[in-house]
C-alpha atoms as a PDB file:
ATOM      1  CA  MET A   1     -42.975 -21.505  -6.205  1.00  0.00           C
ATOM      2  CA  LYS A   2     -43.583 -19.257  -3.211  1.00  0.00           C
ATOM      3  CA  LYS A   3     -43.611 -22.315  -0.950  1.00  0.00           C
ATOM      4  CA  LEU A   4     -40.280 -23.436  -2.384  1.00  0.00           C
ATOM      5  CA  LEU A   5     -38.731 -19.991  -1.817  1.00  0.00           C
ATOM      6  CA  LEU A   6     -40.124 -19.946   1.718  1.00  0.00           C
ATOM      7  CA  SER A   7     -38.635 -23.367   2.412  1.00  0.00           C
ATOM      8  CA  LEU A   8     -35.246 -22.274   1.109  1.00  0.00           C
ATOM      9  CA  SER A   9     -35.447 -19.141   3.250  1.00  0.00           C
ATOM     10  CA  VAL A  10     -36.216 -21.154   6.380  1.00  0.00           C
ATOM     11  CA  LEU A  11     -33.401 -23.588   5.555  1.00  0.00           C
ATOM     12  CA  ALA A  12     -30.930 -20.738   5.109  1.00  0.00           C
ATOM     13  CA  SER A  13     -32.048 -19.205   8.401  1.00  0.00           C
ATOM     14  CA  GLY A  14     -31.449 -22.537  10.121  1.00  0.00           C
ATOM     15  CA  PHE A  15     -27.889 -22.629   8.817  1.00  0.00           C
ATOM     16  CA  MET A  16     -27.273 -19.073  10.048  1.00  0.00           C
ATOM     17  CA  VAL A  17     -28.543 -19.871  13.542  1.00  0.00           C
ATOM     18  CA  SER A  18     -26.373 -22.999  13.656  1.00  0.00           C
ATOM     19  CA  ALA A  19     -23.294 -21.022  12.589  1.00  0.00           C
ATOM     20  CA  GLN A  20     -23.983 -18.307  15.129  1.00  0.00           C
ATOM     21  CA  SER A  21     -24.480 -20.905  17.841  1.00  0.00           C
ATOM     22  CA  VAL A  22     -21.203 -22.707  17.215  1.00  0.00           C
ATOM     23  CA  ASP A  23     -19.281 -19.419  17.041  1.00  0.00           C
ATOM     24  CA  GLU A  24     -20.816 -18.357  20.336  1.00  0.00           C
ATOM     25  CA  ILE A  25     -19.658 -21.591  21.966  1.00  0.00           C
ATOM     26  CA  VAL A  26     -16.184 -21.211  20.461  1.00  0.00           C
ATOM     27  CA  ASP A  27     -15.952 -17.619  21.694  1.00  0.00           C
ATOM     28  CA  LYS A  28     -17.005 -18.630  25.219  1.00  0.00           C
ATOM     29  CA  HIS A  29     -14.481 -21.467  25.204  1.00  0.00           C
ATOM     30  CA  ILE A  30     -11.654 -19.148  24.163  1.00  0.00           C
ATOM     31  CA  ALA A  31     -12.670 -16.684  26.886  1.00  0.00           C
ATOM     32  CA  ALA A  32     -12.719 -19.520  29.445  1.00  0.00           C
ATOM     33  CA  ILE A  33      -9.138 -20.535  28.667  1.00  0.00           C
ATOM     34  CA  GLY A  34      -7.761 -17.001  28.940  1.00  0.00           C
ATOM     35  CA  GLY A  35      -8.877 -15.136  25.850  1.00  0.00           C
ATOM     36  CA  LYS A  36      -7.546 -14.811  22.325  1.00  0.00           C
ATOM     37  CA  GLU A  37      -5.098 -11.998  23.061  1.00  0.00           C
ATOM     38  CA  ASN A  38      -3.389 -13.934  25.877  1.00  0.00           C
ATOM     39  CA  TRP A  39      -3.118 -17.069  23.760  1.00  0.00           C
ATOM     40  CA  LYS A  40      -1.640 -15.165  20.839  1.00  0.00           C
ATOM     41  CA  LYS A  41       1.208 -14.166  23.166  1.00  0.00           C
ATOM     42  CA  VAL A  42       2.115 -17.832  23.755  1.00  0.00           C
ATOM     43  CA  ASN A  43       5.317 -18.628  21.889  1.00  0.00           C
ATOM     44  CA  SER A  44       6.655 -21.672  23.736  1.00  0.00           C
ATOM     45  CA  MET A  45       5.476 -24.356  26.150  1.00  0.00           C
ATOM     46  CA  VAL A  46       7.440 -26.890  28.179  1.00  0.00           C
ATOM     47  CA  MET A  47       5.437 -29.629  29.921  1.00  0.00           C
ATOM     48  CA  GLU A  48       6.898 -32.208  32.296  1.00  0.00           C
ATOM     49  CA  GLY A  49       5.078 -35.112  33.879  1.00  0.00           C
ATOM     50  CA  SER A  50       4.696 -38.868  34.054  1.00  0.00           C
ATOM     51  CA  LEU A  51       2.350 -41.769  33.481  1.00  0.00           C
ATOM     52  CA  ASN A  52       2.128 -45.296  34.788  1.00  0.00           C
ATOM     53  CA  VAL A  53       2.210 -48.079  32.200  1.00  0.00           C
ATOM     54  CA  MET A  54       1.785 -51.629  33.508  1.00  0.00           C
ATOM     55  CA  GLY A  55       3.361 -50.694  36.818  1.00  0.00           C
ATOM     56  CA  ARG A  56       6.258 -48.790  35.293  1.00  0.00           C
ATOM     57  CA  GLU A  57       6.746 -45.059  35.727  1.00  0.00           C
ATOM     58  CA  VAL A  58       7.296 -43.307  32.404  1.00  0.00           C
ATOM     59  CA  GLY A  59       8.768 -39.813  32.355  1.00  0.00           C
ATOM     60  CA  VAL A  60       7.361 -37.394  29.785  1.00  0.00           C
ATOM     61  CA  LYS A  61       8.664 -34.024  28.656  1.00  0.00           C
ATOM     62  CA  ILE A  62       7.061 -32.069  25.803  1.00  0.00           C
ATOM     63  CA  THR A  63       8.850 -29.017  24.421  1.00  0.00           C
ATOM     64  CA  GLN A  64       7.107 -26.867  21.813  1.00  0.00           C
ATOM     65  CA  VAL A  65       7.777 -23.610  19.983  1.00  0.00           C
ATOM     66  CA  HIS A  66       4.811 -22.088  18.160  1.00  0.00           C
ATOM     67  CA  ASN A  67       4.653 -23.308  14.544  1.00  0.00           C
ATOM     68  CA  LYS A  68       8.356 -24.226  14.604  1.00  0.00           C
ATOM     69  CA  GLY A  69       8.775 -27.522  16.378  1.00  0.00           C
ATOM     70  CA  SER A  70       7.627 -30.054  18.933  1.00  0.00           C
ATOM     71  CA  ARG A  71       9.702 -32.627  20.804  1.00  0.00           C
ATOM     72  CA  GLN A  72       8.449 -35.372  23.118  1.00  0.00           C
ATOM     73  CA  ASP A  73      11.104 -36.977  25.320  1.00  0.00           C
ATOM     74  CA  ILE A  74      10.210 -40.310  26.927  1.00  0.00           C
ATOM     75  CA  SER A  75      12.235 -42.057  29.633  1.00  0.00           C
ATOM     76  CA  VAL A  76      11.529 -45.555  30.940  1.00  0.00           C
ATOM     77  CA  ALA A  77      13.582 -48.320  32.530  1.00  0.00           C
ATOM     78  CA  GLY A  78      16.797 -46.350  32.177  1.00  0.00           C
ATOM     79  CA  MET A  79      16.302 -45.728  28.452  1.00  0.00           C
ATOM     80  CA  SER A  80      15.405 -42.485  26.711  1.00  0.00           C
ATOM     81  CA  GLY A  81      13.605 -41.908  23.434  1.00  0.00           C
ATOM     82  CA  TYR A  82      12.090 -39.003  21.563  1.00  0.00           C
ATOM     83  CA  GLU A  83       9.843 -37.880  18.745  1.00  0.00           C
ATOM     84  CA  ILE A  84      10.466 -34.623  16.888  1.00  0.00           C
ATOM     85  CA  THR A  85       8.157 -32.867  14.441  1.00  0.00           C
ATOM     86  CA  THR A  86       8.739 -29.647  12.509  1.00  0.00           C
ATOM     87  CA  PRO A  87       6.911 -28.047   9.563  1.00  0.00           C
ATOM     88  CA  THR A  88       9.278 -29.786   7.132  1.00  0.00           C
ATOM     89  CA  GLY A  89      10.228 -33.090   8.752  1.00  0.00           C
ATOM     90  CA  GLY A  90      10.202 -35.358  11.746  1.00  0.00           C
ATOM     91  CA  TRP A  91      12.150 -38.132  13.459  1.00  0.00           C
ATOM     92  CA  VAL A  92      11.452 -40.804  16.024  1.00  0.00           C
ATOM     93  CA  PHE A  93      13.768 -42.851  18.250  1.00  0.00           C
ATOM     94  CA  MET A  94      12.220 -45.284  20.717  1.00  0.00           C
ATOM     95  CA  PRO A  95      14.874 -47.823  21.821  1.00  0.00           C
ATOM     96  CA  PHE A  96      12.435 -49.531  24.185  1.00  0.00           C
ATOM     97  CA  GLN A  97      10.408 -50.429  21.083  1.00  0.00           C
ATOM     98  CA  GLY A  98      13.411 -52.029  19.426  1.00  0.00           C
ATOM     99  CA  GLN A  99      14.720 -49.093  17.398  1.00  0.00           C
ATOM    100  CA  ALA A 100      18.515 -49.042  17.038  1.00  0.00           C
ATOM    101  CA  LYS A 101      18.729 -45.501  15.610  1.00  0.00           C
ATOM    102  CA  PRO A 102      16.499 -42.483  14.804  1.00  0.00           C
ATOM    103  CA  GLU A 103      14.191 -42.940  11.844  1.00  0.00           C
ATOM    104  CA  PRO A 104      12.412 -40.289   9.745  1.00  0.00           C
ATOM    105  CA  ILE A 105       8.666 -39.876  10.171  1.00  0.00           C
ATOM    106  CA  PRO A 106       6.685 -40.448   6.934  1.00  0.00           C
ATOM    107  CA  ALA A 107       5.803 -37.271   5.033  1.00  0.00           C
ATOM    108  CA  GLU A 108       2.077 -37.936   5.490  1.00  0.00           C
ATOM    109  CA  ALA A 109       2.498 -38.034   9.280  1.00  0.00           C
ATOM    110  CA  VAL A 110       4.529 -34.806   9.208  1.00  0.00           C
ATOM    111  CA  LYS A 111       1.705 -33.080   7.332  1.00  0.00           C
ATOM    112  CA  GLU A 112      -0.887 -34.401   9.786  1.00  0.00           C
ATOM    113  CA  ALA A 113       1.153 -32.971  12.677  1.00  0.00           C
ATOM    114  CA  LEU A 114       1.275 -29.445  11.230  1.00  0.00           C
ATOM    115  CA  ASP A 115      -1.858 -28.241  13.026  1.00  0.00           C
ATOM    116  CA  ASP A 116      -0.527 -29.585  16.334  1.00  0.00           C
ATOM    117  CA  LEU A 117       2.438 -27.195  16.060  1.00  0.00           C
ATOM    118  CA  ASP A 118      -0.019 -24.327  16.539  1.00  0.00           C
ATOM    119  CA  LEU A 119       0.249 -23.612  20.280  1.00  0.00           C
ATOM    120  CA  HIS A 120      -2.697 -21.228  20.121  1.00  0.00           C
ATOM    121  CA  GLY A 121      -5.026 -24.125  19.338  1.00  0.00           C
ATOM    122  CA  ASN A 122      -7.281 -24.879  16.395  1.00  0.00           C
ATOM    123  CA  LEU A 123     -10.146 -22.661  17.532  1.00  0.00           C
ATOM    124  CA  VAL A 124      -8.339 -19.325  17.931  1.00  0.00           C
ATOM    125  CA  ASP A 125      -8.843 -17.531  14.578  1.00  0.00           C
ATOM    126  CA  TYR A 126      -9.970 -20.852  13.100  1.00  0.00           C
ATOM    127  CA  LYS A 127     -11.364 -19.316   9.908  1.00  0.00           C
ATOM    128  CA  GLU A 128      -8.124 -17.508   9.097  1.00  0.00           C
ATOM    129  CA  LYS A 129      -6.225 -20.777   9.602  1.00  0.00           C
ATOM    130  CA  GLY A 130      -8.405 -22.614   7.092  1.00  0.00           C
ATOM    131  CA  HIS A 131     -10.332 -24.753   9.611  1.00  0.00           C
ATOM    132  CA  THR A 132     -14.109 -25.109   9.771  1.00  0.00           C
ATOM    133  CA  VAL A 133     -16.320 -25.963  12.743  1.00  0.00           C
ATOM    134  CA  GLU A 134     -19.756 -27.538  12.966  1.00  0.00           C
ATOM    135  CA  LEU A 135     -22.058 -27.965  15.950  1.00  0.00           C
ATOM    136  CA  LEU A 136     -23.345 -31.548  16.108  1.00  0.00           C
ATOM    137  CA  GLY A 137     -25.637 -31.030  19.097  1.00  0.00           C
ATOM    138  CA  LYS A 138     -24.919 -32.475  22.526  1.00  0.00           C
ATOM    139  CA  GLU A 139     -23.537 -35.775  23.796  1.00  0.00           C
ATOM    140  CA  ASP A 140     -23.009 -37.303  27.224  1.00  0.00           C
ATOM    141  CA  VAL A 141     -19.430 -37.312  28.515  1.00  0.00           C
ATOM    142  CA  GLU A 142     -19.082 -38.955  31.916  1.00  0.00           C
ATOM    143  CA  GLY A 143     -22.557 -37.772  32.963  1.00  0.00           C
ATOM    144  CA  THR A 144     -22.411 -34.256  31.492  1.00  0.00           C
ATOM    145  CA  GLU A 145     -24.319 -33.234  28.352  1.00  0.00           C
ATOM    146  CA  CYS A 146     -21.529 -31.505  26.445  1.00  0.00           C
ATOM    147  CA  PHE A 147     -21.579 -29.502  23.239  1.00  0.00           C
ATOM    148  CA  LYS A 148     -20.261 -31.704  20.444  1.00  0.00           C
ATOM    149  CA  ILE A 149     -18.300 -29.811  17.809  1.00  0.00           C
ATOM    150  CA  LYS A 150     -16.626 -31.186  14.706  1.00  0.00           C
ATOM    151  CA  VAL A 151     -13.458 -29.353  13.686  1.00  0.00           C
ATOM    152  CA  ASN A 152     -12.290 -29.969  10.133  1.00  0.00           C
ATOM    153  CA  ARG A 153      -8.622 -29.019  10.291  1.00  0.00           C
ATOM    154  CA  LYS A 154      -6.707 -27.795   7.261  1.00  0.00           C
ATOM    155  CA  ASN A 155      -3.947 -30.397   7.466  1.00  0.00           C
ATOM    156  CA  SER A 156      -4.842 -32.936  10.126  1.00  0.00           C
ATOM    157  CA  GLY A 157      -8.334 -33.974   9.158  1.00  0.00           C
ATOM    158  CA  GLU A 158     -11.302 -34.244  11.449  1.00  0.00           C
ATOM    159  CA  GLN A 159     -11.347 -33.726  15.208  1.00  0.00           C
ATOM    160  CA  THR A 160     -14.406 -33.874  17.460  1.00  0.00           C
ATOM    161  CA  ILE A 161     -14.318 -31.868  20.668  1.00  0.00           C
ATOM    162  CA  PHE A 162     -16.698 -31.930  23.631  1.00  0.00           C
ATOM    163  CA  VAL A 163     -17.195 -28.664  25.531  1.00  0.00           C
ATOM    164  CA  ASP A 164     -18.579 -28.542  29.065  1.00  0.00           C
ATOM    165  CA  PRO A 165     -21.678 -26.263  28.990  1.00  0.00           C
ATOM    166  CA  GLU A 166     -20.858 -24.688  32.357  1.00  0.00           C
ATOM    167  CA  SER A 167     -17.104 -24.146  32.267  1.00  0.00           C
ATOM    168  CA  TYR A 168     -16.802 -24.040  28.451  1.00  0.00           C
ATOM    169  CA  LEU A 169     -13.611 -26.073  28.757  1.00  0.00           C
ATOM    170  CA  ILE A 170     -12.856 -28.958  26.404  1.00  0.00           C
ATOM    171  CA  VAL A 171     -13.207 -32.196  28.357  1.00  0.00           C
ATOM    172  CA  ARG A 172     -12.719 -34.654  25.495  1.00  0.00           C
ATOM    173  CA  ALA A 173     -11.143 -34.597  22.046  1.00  0.00           C
ATOM    174  CA  ILE A 174     -11.312 -37.364  19.467  1.00  0.00           C
ATOM    175  CA  SER A 175      -8.987 -37.225  16.476  1.00  0.00           C
ATOM    176  CA  LYS A 176      -8.723 -39.430  13.434  1.00  0.00           C
ATOM    177  CA  ARG A 177      -5.245 -40.181  12.132  1.00  0.00           C
ATOM    178  CA  LYS A 178      -3.734 -42.587   9.643  1.00  0.00           C
ATOM    179  CA  ALA A 179      -1.321 -45.217  10.928  1.00  0.00           C
ATOM    180  CA  MET A 180       0.124 -48.101   8.900  1.00  0.00           C
ATOM    181  CA  GLY A 181      -2.247 -47.193   6.072  1.00  0.00           C
ATOM    182  CA  GLN A 182      -5.339 -47.375   8.267  1.00  0.00           C
ATOM    183  CA  GLU A 183      -7.423 -44.710   9.970  1.00  0.00           C
ATOM    184  CA  VAL A 184      -7.263 -44.873  13.753  1.00  0.00           C
ATOM    185  CA  GLU A 185      -9.190 -42.964  16.380  1.00  0.00           C
ATOM    186  CA  MET A 186      -7.389 -41.278  19.278  1.00  0.00           C
ATOM    187  CA  LYS A 187      -9.394 -40.147  22.307  1.00  0.00           C
ATOM    188  CA  SER A 188      -8.059 -37.722  24.920  1.00  0.00           C
ATOM    189  CA  ASP A 189      -9.873 -36.769  28.121  1.00  0.00           C
ATOM    190  CA  LEU A 190      -8.686 -33.415  29.491  1.00  0.00           C
ATOM    191  CA  SER A 191      -9.020 -32.295  33.104  1.00  0.00           C
ATOM    192  CA  ASP A 192      -7.403 -30.460  36.029  1.00  0.00           C
ATOM    193  CA  TYR A 193      -7.182 -27.147  34.195  1.00  0.00           C
ATOM    194  CA  LYS A 194      -4.914 -24.561  35.809  1.00  0.00           C
ATOM    195  CA  GLU A 195      -3.900 -21.037  34.906  1.00  0.00           C
ATOM    196  CA  VAL A 196      -0.342 -20.484  33.678  1.00  0.00           C
ATOM    197  CA  ASN A 197       0.761 -17.037  32.501  1.00  0.00           C
ATOM    198  CA  GLY A 198      -2.808 -15.900  31.936  1.00  0.00           C
ATOM    199  CA  VAL A 199      -4.050 -18.966  30.025  1.00  0.00           C
ATOM    200  CA  LYS A 200      -5.679 -22.195  31.205  1.00  0.00           C
ATOM    201  CA  VAL A 201      -4.208 -25.570  30.294  1.00  0.00           C
ATOM    202  CA  PRO A 202      -5.073 -29.147  31.335  1.00  0.00           C
ATOM    203  CA  PHE A 203      -2.609 -30.777  33.717  1.00  0.00           C
ATOM    204  CA  SER A 204      -4.132 -34.241  33.193  1.00  0.00           C
ATOM    205  CA  VAL A 205      -4.581 -35.978  29.813  1.00  0.00           C
ATOM    206  CA  SER A 206      -6.002 -39.503  29.656  1.00  0.00           C
ATOM    207  CA  GLN A 207      -5.595 -41.618  26.526  1.00  0.00           C
ATOM    208  CA  GLN A 208      -5.840 -45.295  25.643  1.00  0.00           C
ATOM    209  CA  PHE A 209      -2.357 -46.034  27.002  1.00  0.00           C
ATOM    210  CA  GLY A 210      -2.854 -44.248  30.335  1.00  0.00           C
ATOM    211  CA  THR A 211      -3.062 -40.858  32.017  1.00  0.00           C
ATOM    212  CA  VAL A 212      -0.293 -38.305  31.759  1.00  0.00           C
ATOM    213  CA  VAL A 213      -0.187 -36.042  34.834  1.00  0.00           C
ATOM    214  CA  PHE A 214       1.905 -32.924  34.363  1.00  0.00           C
ATOM    215  CA  SER A 215       3.752 -31.638  37.407  1.00  0.00           C
ATOM    216  CA  SER A 216       5.053 -28.570  35.590  1.00  0.00           C
ATOM    217  CA  ILE A 217       3.914 -26.492  32.619  1.00  0.00           C
ATOM    218  CA  LYS A 218       5.961 -23.437  31.691  1.00  0.00           C
ATOM    219  CA  ILE A 219       4.928 -20.909  29.076  1.00  0.00           C
ATOM    220  CA  ASN A 220       7.242 -18.557  27.160  1.00  0.00           C
ATOM    221  CA  GLU A 221      10.386 -19.940  28.775  1.00  0.00           C
ATOM    222  CA  PRO A 222      13.468 -19.724  26.483  1.00  0.00           C
ATOM    223  CA  VAL A 223      13.784 -22.831  24.290  1.00  0.00           C
ATOM    224  CA  ASP A 224      16.854 -23.815  22.288  1.00  0.00           C
ATOM    225  CA  GLU A 225      15.443 -24.605  18.843  1.00  0.00           C
ATOM    226  CA  LYS A 226      18.371 -26.968  18.217  1.00  0.00           C
ATOM    227  CA  LEU A 227      16.191 -29.480  20.052  1.00  0.00           C
ATOM    228  CA  PHE A 228      14.186 -29.804  16.838  1.00  0.00           C
ATOM    229  CA  ALA A 229      17.180 -30.339  14.546  1.00  0.00           C
ATOM    230  CA  ALA A 230      17.574 -33.534  12.528  1.00  0.00           C
ATOM    231  CA  PRO A 231      19.439 -36.190  14.568  1.00  0.00           C
ATOM    232  CA  SER A 232      23.009 -36.983  13.594  1.00  0.00           C
ATOM    233  CA  SER A 233      23.324 -40.000  11.318  1.00  0.00           C
ATOM    234  CA  ASN A 234      26.382 -41.183  13.226  1.00  0.00           C
END
């Protein structure tokens, strides 16, 4: 019986060390990107850039207001499209993909996008937001042994992030989302971090379809929230 109690005690201690370790990494990451207090002042973000897809230049503009709305405007070959998400609904219009008019985003996708409306990020006050984090050890990312952390988000499911052990910046994020009834994995490599209004943000994001390079990121600029309104049915 004493051996069993001792084993349980050791096991519990192991869990405590693990929890302390992951919180220490999270705290260092938040400090590296500007600190919690600076991030909690972020109310809006406007990002403009471009990516090259099969030789074509694609313009990208992302406009976000904290926990209120997000809009991605895409321009290519003289055509413009957009995707809007809010806490209660969303719409997409991509004419270069054959759409003739805006269409509503499925309710499940709207729910999955809720955590992405949080401009402060999943890790700032993660416990209060209903997320959990777990340290999975280390894993190689482009030659660097990074901390591997699983983030179980309240609405959006699981995300795995990889934190550089020297800079404590996130260099890779892998999210699992549902599309067409199936679970798909989305990988983003983040780099070229720069300071904007006291916080650090990546100016380069590489995904399966290409690399978006942002030429401008503005924080706390005035944003007309009509941008997130439901499109006219006319």
